C-alpha atoms as a PDB file:
ATOM      1  CA  MET A   1       0.000   0.000   0.000  1.00  0.00           C
ATOM      2  CA  LYS A   2       2.789   2.414   0.914  1.00  0.00           C
ATOM      3  CA  ARG A   3       4.419   1.742  -2.452  1.00  0.00           C
ATOM      4  CA  ILE A   4       1.233   2.765  -4.294  1.00  0.00           C
ATOM      5  CA  PHE A   5       1.078   6.052  -2.393  1.00  0.00           C
ATOM      6  CA  LYS A   6       4.738   6.724  -3.179  1.00  0.00           C
ATOM      7  CA  LEU A   7       4.075   6.123  -6.875  1.00  0.00           C
ATOM      8  CA  ILE A   8       1.165   8.576  -6.774  1.00  0.00           C
ATOM      9  CA  GLU A   9       3.436  11.154  -5.142  1.00  0.00           C
ATOM     10  CA  LYS A  10       6.253  10.525  -7.624  1.00  0.00           C
ATOM     11  CA  TYR A  11       4.111  10.698 -10.760  1.00  0.00           C
ATOM     12  CA  PHE A  12       1.753  13.424  -9.606  1.00  0.00           C
ATOM     13  CA  PHE A  13       2.332  15.574 -12.681  1.00  0.00           C
ATOM     14  CA  ILE A  14       1.248  12.698 -14.942  1.00  0.00           C
ATOM     15  CA  ILE A  15      -1.864  12.038 -12.854  1.00  0.00           C
ATOM     16  CA  ILE A  16      -2.904  15.687 -12.899  1.00  0.00           C
ATOM     17  CA  LEU A  17      -2.489  15.828 -16.683  1.00  0.00           C
ATOM     18  CA  LEU A  18      -4.627  12.696 -16.961  1.00  0.00           C
ATOM     19  CA  ALA A  19      -7.288  14.254 -14.723  1.00  0.00           C
ATOM     20  CA  VAL A  20      -7.296  17.379 -16.895  1.00  0.00           C
ATOM     21  CA  ALA A  21      -7.667  15.283 -20.063  1.00  0.00           C
ATOM     22  CA  ILE A  22     -10.633  13.383 -18.592  1.00  0.00           C
ATOM     23  CA  SER A  23     -12.298  16.608 -17.423  1.00  0.00           C
ATOM     24  CA  LEU A  24     -12.019  18.093 -20.920  1.00  0.00           C
ATOM     25  CA  VAL A  25     -13.399  14.999 -22.652  1.00  0.00           C
ATOM     26  CA  TYR A  26     -16.015  14.239 -19.979  1.00  0.00           C
ATOM     27  CA  PRO A  27     -16.598  17.611 -18.266  1.00  0.00           C
ATOM     28  CA  ASN A  28     -19.403  16.323 -16.030  1.00  0.00           C
ATOM     29  CA  SER A  29     -17.221  13.607 -14.477  1.00  0.00           C
ATOM     30  CA  PHE A  30     -15.988  15.946 -11.739  1.00  0.00           C
ATOM     31  CA  LYS A  31     -19.043  18.197 -11.545  1.00  0.00           C
ATOM     32  CA  TRP A  32     -19.592  17.117  -7.932  1.00  0.00           C
ATOM     33  CA  VAL A  33     -16.390  18.928  -6.884  1.00  0.00           C
ATOM     34  CA  LEU A  34     -18.078  22.317  -7.359  1.00  0.00           C
ATOM     35  CA  SER A  35     -21.384  21.305  -5.815  1.00  0.00           C
ATOM     36  CA  GLU A  36     -22.814  21.608  -2.312  1.00  0.00           C
ATOM     37  CA  TYR A  37     -24.173  18.876  -0.046  1.00  0.00           C
ATOM     38  CA  ASN A  38     -26.291  19.863   2.928  1.00  0.00           C
ATOM     39  CA  GLY A  39     -24.947  23.405   2.653  1.00  0.00           C
ATOM     40  CA  ILE A  40     -21.324  22.242   2.642  1.00  0.00           C
ATOM     41  CA  ASN A  41     -19.146  23.457  -0.244  1.00  0.00           C
ATOM     42  CA  VAL A  42     -17.265  20.396  -1.516  1.00  0.00           C
ATOM     43  CA  LEU A  43     -14.435  22.431  -3.042  1.00  0.00           C
ATOM     44  CA  ASN A  44     -13.745  24.208   0.252  1.00  0.00           C
ATOM     45  CA  LEU A  45     -13.970  20.912   2.121  1.00  0.00           C
ATOM     46  CA  LEU A  46     -11.406  19.287  -0.170  1.00  0.00           C
ATOM     47  CA  LEU A  47      -9.058  22.251   0.174  1.00  0.00           C
ATOM     48  CA  SER A  48      -9.430  22.156   3.962  1.00  0.00           C
ATOM     49  CA  LEU A  49      -8.393  18.508   3.858  1.00  0.00           C
ATOM     50  CA  VAL A  50      -5.149  19.466   2.097  1.00  0.00           C
ATOM     51  CA  LEU A  51      -4.430  22.172   4.675  1.00  0.00           C
ATOM     52  CA  PHE A  52      -5.236  19.746   7.506  1.00  0.00           C
ATOM     53  CA  THR A  53      -2.667  17.281   6.171  1.00  0.00           C
ATOM     54  CA  MET A  54      -0.185  20.155   6.012  1.00  0.00           C
ATOM     55  CA  GLY A  55      -0.921  20.956   9.666  1.00  0.00           C
ATOM     56  CA  THR A  56      -0.154  17.394  10.757  1.00  0.00           C
ATOM     57  CA  THR A  57       3.372  17.779   9.351  1.00  0.00           C
ATOM     58  CA  LEU A  58       4.084  21.045  11.182  1.00  0.00           C
ATOM     59  CA  LYS A  59       5.463  21.717  14.636  1.00  0.00           C
ATOM     60  CA  VAL A  60       5.799  24.836  16.744  1.00  0.00           C
ATOM     61  CA  ASP A  61       9.497  24.899  15.813  1.00  0.00           C
ATOM     62  CA  ASP A  62       8.532  25.615  12.208  1.00  0.00           C
ATOM     63  CA  PHE A  63       7.090  28.936  13.399  1.00  0.00           C
ATOM     64  CA  LEU A  64       9.871  29.670  15.896  1.00  0.00           C
ATOM     65  CA  ARG A  65      12.421  29.376  13.099  1.00  0.00           C
ATOM     66  CA  VAL A  66      11.692  32.993  12.178  1.00  0.00           C
ATOM     67  CA  PHE A  67      13.679  34.045  15.243  1.00  0.00           C
ATOM     68  CA  LYS A  68      16.616  31.874  14.184  1.00  0.00           C
ATOM     69  CA  HIS A  69      16.637  32.916  10.520  1.00  0.00           C
ATOM     70  CA  PRO A  70      14.824  36.279  10.429  1.00  0.00           C
ATOM     71  CA  LYS A  71      16.472  37.549   7.243  1.00  0.00           C
ATOM     72  CA  GLU A  72      15.606  34.574   5.044  1.00  0.00           C
ATOM     73  CA  ILE A  73      12.033  34.330   6.325  1.00  0.00           C
ATOM     74  CA  SER A  74      11.424  38.078   6.068  1.00  0.00           C
ATOM     75  CA  VAL A  75      12.820  38.344   2.540  1.00  0.00           C
ATOM     76  CA  GLY A  76      10.712  35.395   1.395  1.00  0.00           C
ATOM     77  CA  LEU A  77       7.504  36.749   2.931  1.00  0.00           C
ATOM     78  CA  ILE A  78       8.019  40.286   1.624  1.00  0.00           C
ATOM     79  CA  ALA A  79       8.602  38.942  -1.880  1.00  0.00           C
ATOM     80  CA  GLN A  80       5.560  36.660  -1.539  1.00  0.00           C
ATOM     81  CA  TYR A  81       3.132  39.424  -0.647  1.00  0.00           C
ATOM     82  CA  MET A  82       4.651  42.331  -2.566  1.00  0.00           C
ATOM     83  CA  VAL A  83       6.232  40.966  -5.724  1.00  0.00           C
ATOM     84  CA  MET A  84       3.705  38.248  -6.592  1.00  0.00           C
ATOM     85  CA  PRO A  85       0.563  40.437  -6.439  1.00  0.00           C
ATOM     86  CA  VAL A  86       2.196  43.246  -8.436  1.00  0.00           C
ATOM     87  CA  LEU A  87       3.462  40.731 -10.998  1.00  0.00           C
ATOM     88  CA  ALA A  88      -0.023  39.242 -11.407  1.00  0.00           C
ATOM     89  CA  PHE A  89      -1.662  42.673 -11.731  1.00  0.00           C
ATOM     90  CA  SER A  90       0.952  43.842 -14.252  1.00  0.00           C
ATOM     91  CA  LEU A  91       0.496  40.768 -16.455  1.00  0.00           C
ATOM     92  CA  ALA A  92      -3.296  41.143 -16.364  1.00  0.00           C
ATOM     93  CA  GLU A  93      -2.965  44.772 -17.472  1.00  0.00           C
ATOM     94  CA  MET A  94      -0.320  44.017 -20.094  1.00  0.00           C
ATOM     95  CA  PHE A  95      -2.432  41.337 -21.779  1.00  0.00           C
ATOM     96  CA  SER A  96      -5.747  43.199 -21.251  1.00  0.00           C
ATOM     97  CA  LEU A  97      -7.436  40.239 -19.604  1.00  0.00           C
ATOM     98  CA  ASP A  98     -11.165  40.447 -18.972  1.00  0.00           C
ATOM     99  CA  ALA A  99     -12.518  40.969 -15.459  1.00  0.00           C
ATOM    100  CA  GLY A 100     -12.891  37.284 -14.599  1.00  0.00           C
ATOM    101  CA  LEU A 101      -9.404  36.237 -15.673  1.00  0.00           C
ATOM    102  CA  THR A 102      -7.921  39.357 -14.053  1.00  0.00           C
ATOM    103  CA  VAL A 103      -9.485  38.525 -10.700  1.00  0.00           C
ATOM    104  CA  GLY A 104      -8.382  34.903 -10.960  1.00  0.00           C
ATOM    105  CA  LEU A 105      -4.813  35.828 -11.858  1.00  0.00           C
ATOM    106  CA  ILE A 106      -4.542  38.398  -9.072  1.00  0.00           C
ATOM    107  CA  LEU A 107      -5.852  35.866  -6.551  1.00  0.00           C
ATOM    108  CA  VAL A 108      -3.124  33.464  -7.682  1.00  0.00           C
ATOM    109  CA  GLY A 109      -0.670  36.253  -6.861  1.00  0.00           C
ATOM    110  CA  THR A 110      -2.139  37.238  -3.489  1.00  0.00           C
ATOM    111  CA  VAL A 111      -2.615  33.798  -1.927  1.00  0.00           C
ATOM    112  CA  PRO A 112       0.182  32.186   0.127  1.00  0.00           C
ATOM    113  CA  GLY A 113       2.735  29.697  -1.120  1.00  0.00           C
ATOM    114  CA  GLY A 114       1.501  26.191  -1.880  1.00  0.00           C
ATOM    115  CA  THR A 115       2.365  23.026   0.031  1.00  0.00           C
ATOM    116  CA  ALA A 116       3.764  21.460  -3.143  1.00  0.00           C
ATOM    117  CA  SER A 117       6.727  23.837  -2.848  1.00  0.00           C
ATOM    118  CA  ASP A 118       8.032  21.792   0.078  1.00  0.00           C
ATOM    119  CA  VAL A 119       8.062  18.605  -2.001  1.00  0.00           C
ATOM    120  CA  ILE A 120       9.677  20.290  -5.003  1.00  0.00           C
ATOM    121  CA  THR A 121      12.271  21.914  -2.723  1.00  0.00           C
ATOM    122  CA  PHE A 122      13.159  18.483  -1.361  1.00  0.00           C
ATOM    123  CA  LEU A 123      13.468  17.050  -4.875  1.00  0.00           C
ATOM    124  CA  ALA A 124      15.586  20.054  -5.924  1.00  0.00           C
ATOM    125  CA  ASN A 125      17.944  19.570  -2.962  1.00  0.00           C
ATOM    126  CA  GLY A 126      16.988  22.944  -1.522  1.00  0.00           C
ATOM    127  CA  ASP A 127      16.535  24.079   2.081  1.00  0.00           C
ATOM    128  CA  VAL A 128      13.429  22.109   3.097  1.00  0.00           C
ATOM    129  CA  ALA A 129      13.261  23.608   6.605  1.00  0.00           C
ATOM    130  CA  LEU A 130      13.188  27.118   5.133  1.00  0.00           C
ATOM    131  CA  SER A 131      10.548  26.086   2.606  1.00  0.00           C
ATOM    132  CA  VAL A 132       8.290  24.616   5.300  1.00  0.00           C
ATOM    133  CA  SER A 133       8.636  27.752   7.425  1.00  0.00           C
ATOM    134  CA  LEU A 134       7.904  30.080   4.514  1.00  0.00           C
ATOM    135  CA  THR A 135       4.830  28.073   3.511  1.00  0.00           C
ATOM    136  CA  ALA A 136       3.589  27.934   7.104  1.00  0.00           C
ATOM    137  CA  PHE A 137       4.116  31.655   7.783  1.00  0.00           C
ATOM    138  CA  SER A 138       2.697  32.873   4.485  1.00  0.00           C
ATOM    139  CA  THR A 139      -0.353  30.676   5.053  1.00  0.00           C
ATOM    140  CA  VAL A 140      -0.964  31.832   8.631  1.00  0.00           C
ATOM    141  CA  ILE A 141      -0.862  35.530   7.715  1.00  0.00           C
ATOM    142  CA  SER A 142      -2.896  35.074   4.528  1.00  0.00           C
ATOM    143  CA  PRO A 143      -6.314  35.794   6.132  1.00  0.00           C
ATOM    144  CA  ILE A 144      -5.165  39.367   6.665  1.00  0.00           C
ATOM    145  CA  LEU A 145      -2.892  40.067   3.705  1.00  0.00           C
ATOM    146  CA  THR A 146      -4.737  38.269   0.889  1.00  0.00           C
ATOM    147  CA  PRO A 147      -8.014  40.248   1.278  1.00  0.00           C
ATOM    148  CA  ILE A 148      -6.217  43.565   1.865  1.00  0.00           C
ATOM    149  CA  ILE A 149      -3.911  43.253  -1.147  1.00  0.00           C
ATOM    150  CA  THR A 150      -6.720  41.973  -3.368  1.00  0.00           C
ATOM    151  CA  LEU A 151      -8.896  44.910  -2.318  1.00  0.00           C
ATOM    152  CA  PHE A 152      -6.050  47.346  -3.034  1.00  0.00           C
ATOM    153  CA  LEU A 153      -5.488  45.939  -6.539  1.00  0.00           C
ATOM    154  CA  ILE A 154      -9.061  45.443  -7.772  1.00  0.00           C
ATOM    155  CA  GLY A 155     -11.348  47.061  -5.179  1.00  0.00           C
ATOM    156  CA  ASN A 156     -12.043  50.099  -7.329  1.00  0.00           C
ATOM    157  CA  GLN A 157     -13.014  47.973 -10.333  1.00  0.00           C
ATOM    158  CA  ILE A 158     -14.785  44.913  -8.912  1.00  0.00           C
ATOM    159  CA  HIS A 159     -16.798  44.901  -5.705  1.00  0.00           C
ATOM    160  CA  PHE A 160     -16.232  42.206  -3.097  1.00  0.00           C
ATOM    161  CA  ASN A 161     -16.249  42.009   0.695  1.00  0.00           C
ATOM    162  CA  PRO A 162     -12.705  41.613   2.140  1.00  0.00           C
ATOM    163  CA  VAL A 163     -14.130  40.759   5.576  1.00  0.00           C
ATOM    164  CA  ASP A 164     -16.028  37.820   4.102  1.00  0.00           C
ATOM    165  CA  MET A 165     -12.839  36.736   2.348  1.00  0.00           C
ATOM    166  CA  PHE A 166     -10.981  36.942   5.664  1.00  0.00           C
ATOM    167  CA  VAL A 167     -13.590  34.675   7.269  1.00  0.00           C
ATOM    168  CA  SER A 168     -13.375  32.234   4.349  1.00  0.00           C
ATOM    169  CA  ILE A 169      -9.603  31.922   4.627  1.00  0.00           C
ATOM    170  CA  VAL A 170      -9.815  31.388   8.383  1.00  0.00           C
ATOM    171  CA  GLU A 171     -12.374  28.615   7.845  1.00  0.00           C
ATOM    172  CA  ILE A 172     -10.616  26.967   4.912  1.00  0.00           C
ATOM    173  CA  VAL A 173      -6.988  27.458   5.961  1.00  0.00           C
ATOM    174  CA  ILE A 174      -6.361  28.390   9.587  1.00  0.00           C
ATOM    175  CA  ILE A 175      -8.804  26.070  11.365  1.00  0.00           C
ATOM    176  CA  PRO A 176      -7.675  22.919   9.473  1.00  0.00           C
ATOM    177  CA  ILE A 177      -3.992  23.784  10.036  1.00  0.00           C
ATOM    178  CA  VAL A 178      -4.563  24.360  13.751  1.00  0.00           C
ATOM    179  CA  LEU A 179      -6.425  21.058  14.028  1.00  0.00           C
ATOM    180  CA  GLY A 180      -3.545  19.348  12.241  1.00  0.00           C
ATOM    181  CA  LEU A 181      -1.026  20.982  14.577  1.00  0.00           C
ATOM    182  CA  ILE A 182      -3.000  19.819  17.611  1.00  0.00           C
ATOM    183  CA  LEU A 183      -3.167  16.277  16.260  1.00  0.00           C
ATOM    184  CA  ASN A 184       0.597  16.299  15.654  1.00  0.00           C
ATOM    185  CA  TYR A 185       1.219  17.655  19.153  1.00  0.00           C
ATOM    186  CA  LYS A 186      -1.030  15.087  20.841  1.00  0.00           C
ATOM    187  CA  PHE A 187      -0.130  12.086  18.678  1.00  0.00           C
ATOM    188  CA  PRO A 188       3.311  12.713  17.130  1.00  0.00           C
ATOM    189  CA  ASP A 189       4.047   9.042  16.437  1.00  0.00           C
ATOM    190  CA  PHE A 190       0.767   8.596  14.588  1.00  0.00           C
ATOM    191  CA  CYS A 191       1.375  11.718  12.482  1.00  0.00           C
ATOM    192  CA  GLU A 192       4.903  10.549  11.713  1.00  0.00           C
ATOM    193  CA  LYS A 193       3.454   7.361  10.223  1.00  0.00           C
ATOM    194  CA  LEU A 194       0.946   9.403   8.229  1.00  0.00           C
ATOM    195  CA  LYS A 195       3.762  11.307   6.463  1.00  0.00           C
ATOM    196  CA  ASP A 196       4.262   8.386   4.072  1.00  0.00           C
ATOM    197  CA  TYR A 197       0.711   8.777   2.794  1.00  0.00           C
ATOM    198  CA  LEU A 198      -0.172  12.474   3.114  1.00  0.00           C
ATOM    199  CA  PRO A 199       1.628  13.809  -0.002  1.00  0.00           C
ATOM    200  CA  ALA A 200      -0.235  11.315  -2.188  1.00  0.00           C
ATOM    201  CA  ILE A 201      -3.573  12.131  -0.537  1.00  0.00           C
ATOM    202  CA  SER A 202      -2.978  15.857  -1.067  1.00  0.00           C
ATOM    203  CA  SER A 203      -1.988  15.184  -4.681  1.00  0.00           C
ATOM    204  CA  ILE A 204      -5.215  13.283  -5.366  1.00  0.00           C
ATOM    205  CA  VAL A 205      -7.321  16.032  -3.781  1.00  0.00           C
ATOM    206  CA  ILE A 206      -5.571  18.735  -5.838  1.00  0.00           C
ATOM    207  CA  CYS A 207      -6.197  16.676  -8.995  1.00  0.00           C
ATOM    208  CA  LEU A 208      -9.906  16.489  -8.145  1.00  0.00           C
ATOM    209  CA  ILE A 209     -10.097  20.249  -7.556  1.00  0.00           C
ATOM    210  CA  VAL A 210      -8.307  21.072 -10.804  1.00  0.00           C
ATOM    211  CA  ALA A 211     -10.377  18.570 -12.807  1.00  0.00           C
ATOM    212  CA  GLY A 212     -13.616  19.925 -11.320  1.00  0.00           C
ATOM    213  CA  VAL A 213     -12.805  23.532 -12.163  1.00  0.00           C
ATOM    214  CA  ILE A 214     -11.524  22.779 -15.650  1.00  0.00           C
ATOM    215  CA  GLY A 215     -14.513  20.563 -16.451  1.00  0.00           C
ATOM    216  CA  ALA A 216     -16.946  23.258 -15.332  1.00  0.00           C
ATOM    217  CA  ASN A 217     -15.126  25.904 -17.381  1.00  0.00           C
ATOM    218  CA  LYS A 218     -14.265  23.805 -20.417  1.00  0.00           C
ATOM    219  CA  GLN A 219     -15.730  26.202 -22.953  1.00  0.00           C
ATOM    220  CA  ALA A 220     -14.170  29.272 -21.329  1.00  0.00           C
ATOM    221  CA  ILE A 221     -10.770  27.598 -21.242  1.00  0.00           C
ATOM    222  CA  LEU A 222     -10.921  26.487 -24.870  1.00  0.00           C
ATOM    223  CA  THR A 223     -11.907  29.953 -26.072  1.00  0.00           C
ATOM    224  CA  SER A 224      -9.290  31.857 -24.078  1.00  0.00           C
ATOM    225  CA  SER A 225      -6.608  29.219 -23.571  1.00  0.00           C
ATOM    226  CA  ALA A 226      -3.882  30.739 -25.755  1.00  0.00           C
ATOM    227  CA  ILE A 227      -3.685  34.061 -23.932  1.00  0.00           C
ATOM    228  CA  ILE A 228      -4.225  32.831 -20.399  1.00  0.00           C
ATOM    229  CA  LEU A 229      -1.773  29.949 -20.828  1.00  0.00           C
ATOM    230  CA  ILE A 230       0.927  32.373 -21.982  1.00  0.00           C
ATOM    231  CA  VAL A 231       0.211  34.598 -18.976  1.00  0.00           C
ATOM    232  CA  ILE A 232       0.293  31.648 -16.556  1.00  0.00           C
ATOM    233  CA  VAL A 233       3.641  30.414 -17.897  1.00  0.00           C
ATOM    234  CA  LEU A 234       5.069  33.940 -17.748  1.00  0.00           C
ATOM    235  CA  GLN A 235       3.828  34.436 -14.192  1.00  0.00           C
ATOM    236  CA  TYR A 236       5.436  31.176 -13.105  1.00  0.00           C
ATOM    237  CA  PHE A 237       8.867  31.750 -14.653  1.00  0.00           C
ATOM    238  CA  LEU A 238       9.014  35.454 -13.771  1.00  0.00           C
ATOM    239  CA  ALA A 239       8.211  34.549 -10.163  1.00  0.00           C
ATOM    240  CA  MET A 240      11.042  32.057 -10.147  1.00  0.00           C
ATOM    241  CA  LEU A 241      13.470  34.572 -11.679  1.00  0.00           C
ATOM    242  CA  VAL A 242      12.457  37.167  -9.087  1.00  0.00           C
ATOM    243  CA  GLY A 243      13.033  34.562  -6.374  1.00  0.00           C
ATOM    244  CA  PHE A 244      16.553  33.917  -7.639  1.00  0.00           C
ATOM    245  CA  GLY A 245      17.257  37.635  -7.817  1.00  0.00           C
ATOM    246  CA  VAL A 246      15.860  38.423  -4.367  1.00  0.00           C
ATOM    247  CA  GLY A 247      17.718  35.527  -2.783  1.00  0.00           C
ATOM    248  CA  TYR A 248      20.993  36.510  -4.426  1.00  0.00           C
ATOM    249  CA  LEU A 249      20.702  40.177  -3.440  1.00  0.00           C
ATOM    250  CA  ALA A 250      19.896  39.130   0.131  1.00  0.00           C
ATOM    251  CA  GLY A 251      23.159  37.192   0.309  1.00  0.00           C
ATOM    252  CA  MET A 252      21.601  33.742   0.698  1.00  0.00           C
ATOM    253  CA  ASN A 253      23.448  30.536  -0.108  1.00  0.00           C
ATOM    254  CA  LYS A 254      22.564  28.431  -3.178  1.00  0.00           C
ATOM    255  CA  LYS A 255      20.132  26.131  -1.393  1.00  0.00           C
ATOM    256  CA  GLN A 256      18.280  29.062   0.124  1.00  0.00           C
ATOM    257  CA  ILE A 257      18.127  30.908  -3.204  1.00  0.00           C
ATOM    258  CA  VAL A 258      16.630  27.864  -4.931  1.00  0.00           C
ATOM    259  CA  THR A 259      14.146  27.514  -2.072  1.00  0.00           C
ATOM    260  CA  VAL A 260      12.928  31.117  -2.254  1.00  0.00           C
ATOM    261  CA  ALA A 261      12.587  30.856  -6.044  1.00  0.00           C
ATOM    262  CA  ILE A 262      10.467  27.710  -5.745  1.00  0.00           C
ATOM    263  CA  GLU A 263       8.408  29.203  -2.914  1.00  0.00           C
ATOM    264  CA  LEU A 264       7.489  32.254  -4.992  1.00  0.00           C
ATOM    265  CA  ALA A 265       6.624  30.226  -8.089  1.00  0.00           C
ATOM    266  CA  PHE A 266       4.461  27.717  -6.219  1.00  0.00           C
ATOM    267  CA  GLN A 267       1.224  29.344  -5.133  1.00  0.00           C
ATOM    268  CA  ASN A 268      -1.738  27.861  -3.266  1.00  0.00           C
ATOM    269  CA  SER A 269      -3.740  27.807  -6.476  1.00  0.00           C
ATOM    270  CA  GLY A 270      -6.416  25.648  -4.871  1.00  0.00           C
ATOM    271  CA  LEU A 271      -7.132  28.443  -2.410  1.00  0.00           C
ATOM    272  CA  SER A 272      -7.232  31.041  -5.184  1.00  0.00           C
ATOM    273  CA  THR A 273      -9.757  28.877  -7.054  1.00  0.00           C
ATOM    274  CA  SER A 274     -11.908  28.482  -3.946  1.00  0.00           C
ATOM    275  CA  LEU A 275     -11.859  32.220  -3.199  1.00  0.00           C
ATOM    276  CA  ALA A 276     -12.722  33.025  -6.806  1.00  0.00           C
ATOM    277  CA  LYS A 277     -15.730  30.711  -6.766  1.00  0.00           C
ATOM    278  CA  THR A 278     -16.939  31.880  -3.355  1.00  0.00           C
ATOM    279  CA  HIS A 279     -16.467  35.636  -3.618  1.00  0.00           C
ATOM    280  CA  PHE A 280     -16.773  36.297  -7.366  1.00  0.00           C
ATOM    281  CA  PRO A 281     -19.602  33.947  -8.413  1.00  0.00           C
ATOM    282  CA  SER A 282     -20.710  36.203 -11.268  1.00  0.00           C
ATOM    283  CA  LEU A 283     -17.248  36.048 -12.860  1.00  0.00           C
ATOM    284  CA  THR A 284     -17.255  32.435 -14.036  1.00  0.00           C
ATOM    285  CA  GLN A 285     -13.759  32.608 -15.555  1.00  0.00           C
ATOM    286  CA  ALA A 286     -12.200  33.747 -12.266  1.00  0.00           C
ATOM    287  CA  THR A 287     -11.587  30.109 -11.302  1.00  0.00           C
ATOM    288  CA  VAL A 288      -9.714  29.332 -14.521  1.00  0.00           C
ATOM    289  CA  PRO A 289      -6.268  30.887 -13.748  1.00  0.00           C
ATOM    290  CA  GLY A 290      -5.979  29.018 -10.447  1.00  0.00           C
ATOM    291  CA  ALA A 291      -6.802  25.670 -12.049  1.00  0.00           C
ATOM    292  CA  LEU A 292      -4.409  26.201 -14.957  1.00  0.00           C
ATOM    293  CA  TYR A 293      -1.678  27.471 -12.658  1.00  0.00           C
ATOM    294  CA  SER A 294      -1.956  24.337 -10.534  1.00  0.00           C
ATOM    295  CA  VAL A 295      -1.462  22.128 -13.575  1.00  0.00           C
ATOM    296  CA  TRP A 296       1.453  24.140 -14.895  1.00  0.00           C
ATOM    297  CA  GLN A 297       3.332  24.643 -11.616  1.00  0.00           C
ATOM    298  CA  ASN A 298       3.330  20.941 -10.824  1.00  0.00           C
ATOM    299  CA  PHE A 299       4.251  19.871 -14.341  1.00  0.00           C
ATOM    300  CA  ALA A 300       7.056  22.430 -14.769  1.00  0.00           C
ATOM    301  CA  GLY A 301       8.165  22.094 -11.149  1.00  0.00           C
ATOM    302  CA  SER A 302       8.773  18.372 -11.458  1.00  0.00           C
ATOM    303  CA  ILE A 303      11.093  19.004 -14.404  1.00  0.00           C
ATOM    304  CA  LEU A 304      12.860  21.989 -12.833  1.00  0.00           C
ATOM    305  CA  ALA A 305      13.447  20.072  -9.590  1.00  0.00           C
ATOM    306  CA  TYR A 306      15.552  17.595 -11.562  1.00  0.00           C
ATOM    307  CA  VAL A 307      17.446  20.439 -13.267  1.00  0.00           C
ATOM    308  CA  PHE A 308      18.126  22.246  -9.968  1.00  0.00           C
ATOM    309  CA  ARG A 309      19.281  19.077  -8.248  1.00  0.00           C
ATOM    310  CA  ARG A 310      21.670  18.225 -11.062  1.00  0.00           C
ATOM    311  CA  TYR A 311      23.057  21.596 -12.125  1.00  0.00           C
ATOM    312  CA  VAL A 312      22.532  24.208  -9.390  1.00  0.00           C
END
């Protein structure tokens, strides 16, 4: 059984491409992902499951590390919440994206780093401890910064309630992480055993989310795929280049530079998709950038991890 889960983790980028292919050919196959059962939003529930698994891998030391390595953590967080949103907004303006795609792209830029960055950092032989801390910190402060920055960038053009977004992020992100932390604190041995299975479980859940969103927006994706795909690829690689530049200017070592670059390029696209669906329901294409970004970052990241490990 453990071997199967390891294979799922190893070949995640192939599985997600397969899920995307199925959702495009049979768009209703994953329709349930975007539905509600007894008032419970399935998409948010799935995302909370991913964040809960992340919480079970964290310890208090991951948050205390900021006092041991303040420069690296601070540089990474500043770049995360200053560079990424501005980059997303600039690309949306440059390519004259419509309102829905603009909102979706900006949300990809304003959400915290994704948990997949920790796995890719490990595969790339980067600083895993730094990656975990950056992901944890950026996630914990996201209920405050994500709504504020999003409001600053699009508040004058598109109305939404930042307080409601704050509440959503607390429900989807903070509560599951805290529950995971408590479980890890109370039952550390049990959570240690779970580590062999959690990456694969998270990978499957992310595949379901991406497939659900892409299936529901098949027509929108096919009609605007060329432009938005170019923007997504640009956003990813520019984020990575900025990460390299910021890390180098901050005087970090090679492993830390690679880590910051990966952390910036890997966004919590599942969260951006959930926020788009919840807070911008009239903009149907707002969920598209997050779904496409998830596919691209995992596909490209798997390849780049090999390159970094071998040549950097």
